[in-house]
C-alpha atoms as a PDB file:
ATOM      1  CA  MET A   1      11.007  -5.781   7.512  1.00  0.00           C
ATOM      2  CA  ASN A   2      13.406  -3.863   9.646  1.00  0.00           C
ATOM      3  CA  THR A   3      16.100  -1.372   8.707  1.00  0.00           C
ATOM      4  CA  GLN A   4      18.932  -3.917   8.851  1.00  0.00           C
ATOM      5  CA  MET A   5      17.065  -6.229   6.473  1.00  0.00           C
ATOM      6  CA  TRP A   6      16.272  -3.364   4.081  1.00  0.00           C
ATOM      7  CA  SER A   7      19.874  -2.102   4.022  1.00  0.00           C
ATOM      8  CA  HIS A   8      21.359  -5.566   3.424  1.00  0.00           C
ATOM      9  CA  PRO A   9      23.329  -5.806   0.135  1.00  0.00           C
ATOM     10  CA  PHE A  10      21.293  -8.826  -1.023  1.00  0.00           C
ATOM     11  CA  THR A  11      18.082  -6.839  -0.683  1.00  0.00           C
ATOM     12  CA  ASP A  12      19.503  -4.085  -2.889  1.00  0.00           C
ATOM     13  CA  LYS A  13      20.719  -6.656  -5.419  1.00  0.00           C
ATOM     14  CA  HIS A  14      17.276  -8.250  -5.631  1.00  0.00           C
ATOM     15  CA  ILE A  15      15.451  -4.917  -5.892  1.00  0.00           C
ATOM     16  CA  VAL A  16      17.718  -3.880  -8.772  1.00  0.00           C
ATOM     17  CA  GLU A  17      17.094  -7.213 -10.495  1.00  0.00           C
ATOM     18  CA  LEU A  18      13.310  -6.965 -10.104  1.00  0.00           C
ATOM     19  CA  GLU A  19      13.272  -3.437 -11.502  1.00  0.00           C
ATOM     20  CA  SER A  20      15.480  -4.464 -14.414  1.00  0.00           C
ATOM     21  CA  ILE A  21      12.879  -7.003 -15.546  1.00  0.00           C
ATOM     22  CA  GLY A  22      10.001  -4.559 -15.275  1.00  0.00           C
ATOM     23  CA  TYR A  23       8.601  -4.912 -11.782  1.00  0.00           C
ATOM     24  CA  GLN A  24       7.434  -1.758 -10.032  1.00  0.00           C
ATOM     25  CA  VAL A  25       8.804  -1.651  -6.514  1.00  0.00           C
ATOM     26  CA  ILE A  26       6.918   0.198  -3.811  1.00  0.00           C
ATOM     27  CA  TYR A  27       9.674   1.173  -1.434  1.00  0.00           C
ATOM     28  CA  PRO A  28       9.248   0.956   2.337  1.00  0.00           C
ATOM     29  CA  ILE A  29       8.886   4.083   4.416  1.00  0.00           C
ATOM     30  CA  SER A  30      10.708   5.231   7.540  1.00  0.00           C
ATOM     31  CA  LYS A  31       8.950   5.260  10.896  1.00  0.00           C
ATOM     32  CA  VAL A  32       8.938   3.444  14.228  1.00  0.00           C
ATOM     33  CA  LEU A  33       9.017  -0.241  13.288  1.00  0.00           C
ATOM     34  CA  MET A  34       7.416  -3.154  15.120  1.00  0.00           C
ATOM     35  CA  CYS A  35      10.805  -4.111  16.560  1.00  0.00           C
ATOM     36  CA  GLY A  36      11.061  -0.662  18.147  1.00  0.00           C
ATOM     37  CA  ASP A  37      13.750   0.656  15.809  1.00  0.00           C
ATOM     38  CA  VAL A  38      13.210   3.870  13.897  1.00  0.00           C
ATOM     39  CA  GLY A  39      14.144   3.617  10.239  1.00  0.00           C
ATOM     40  CA  THR A  40      13.237   2.391   6.788  1.00  0.00           C
ATOM     41  CA  GLY A  41      11.359  -0.863   6.546  1.00  0.00           C
ATOM     42  CA  ALA A  42       7.670  -0.169   7.126  1.00  0.00           C
ATOM     43  CA  MET A  43       5.110  -0.936   4.449  1.00  0.00           C
ATOM     44  CA  GLU A  44       3.941   2.079   2.467  1.00  0.00           C
ATOM     45  CA  SER A  45       0.397   3.341   3.111  1.00  0.00           C
ATOM     46  CA  VAL A  46      -2.575   1.432   1.727  1.00  0.00           C
ATOM     47  CA  GLN A  47      -3.475   4.472  -0.386  1.00  0.00           C
ATOM     48  CA  VAL A  48      -0.053   4.549  -2.080  1.00  0.00           C
ATOM     49  CA  ILE A  49      -0.067   0.785  -2.682  1.00  0.00           C
ATOM     50  CA  SER A  50      -3.627   0.707  -4.020  1.00  0.00           C
ATOM     51  CA  THR A  51      -2.966   3.687  -6.290  1.00  0.00           C
ATOM     52  CA  ALA A  52       0.115   1.968  -7.718  1.00  0.00           C
ATOM     53  CA  ILE A  53      -1.871  -1.218  -8.337  1.00  0.00           C
ATOM     54  CA  LEU A  54      -4.749   0.647 -10.000  1.00  0.00           C
ATOM     55  CA  ASP A  55      -2.292   2.583 -12.175  1.00  0.00           C
ATOM     56  CA  GLN A  56      -0.732  -0.684 -13.336  1.00  0.00           C
ATOM     57  CA  ILE A  57      -4.167  -2.150 -14.106  1.00  0.00           C
ATOM     58  CA  LYS A  58      -5.185   0.978 -16.055  1.00  0.00           C
ATOM     59  CA  TRP A  59      -1.899   0.970 -17.978  1.00  0.00           C
ATOM     60  CA  GLY A  60      -2.285  -2.728 -18.752  1.00  0.00           C
ATOM     61  CA  LEU A  61      -5.856  -2.270 -20.011  1.00  0.00           C
ATOM     62  CA  PHE A  62      -4.786   0.715 -22.104  1.00  0.00           C
ATOM     63  CA  ASN A  63      -1.996  -1.322 -23.713  1.00  0.00           C
ATOM     64  CA  PHE A  64      -4.336  -4.287 -24.260  1.00  0.00           C
ATOM     65  CA  TRP A  65      -6.924  -2.186 -26.101  1.00  0.00           C
ATOM     66  CA  GLN A  66      -4.264  -0.296 -28.005  1.00  0.00           C
ATOM     67  CA  GLU A  67      -2.829  -3.601 -29.282  1.00  0.00           C
ATOM     68  CA  LYS A  68      -6.324  -4.870 -30.215  1.00  0.00           C
ATOM     69  CA  THR A  69      -7.021  -1.659 -32.136  1.00  0.00           C
ATOM     70  CA  LEU A  70      -3.753  -1.969 -34.051  1.00  0.00           C
ATOM     71  CA  GLN A  71      -4.561  -5.589 -34.922  1.00  0.00           C
ATOM     72  CA  LEU A  72      -7.888  -4.527 -36.423  1.00  0.00           C
ATOM     73  CA  GLN A  73      -6.280  -1.959 -38.718  1.00  0.00           C
END
């Protein structure tokens, strides 16, 4: 993605909509982009993305087991 795509009003509208229904958005970072522009649009680091995914998995497993425990009571 490049900076013009990221700053487009439709992109903002869709990000807001995704967050409103519970999606976690990993925002792009600013750096020199493939098109040569400098700005926001580059994918976040693998470490940040993988940490966010693992956190979601852990949270989901925690909620799953918490629900199962409540059902057994």
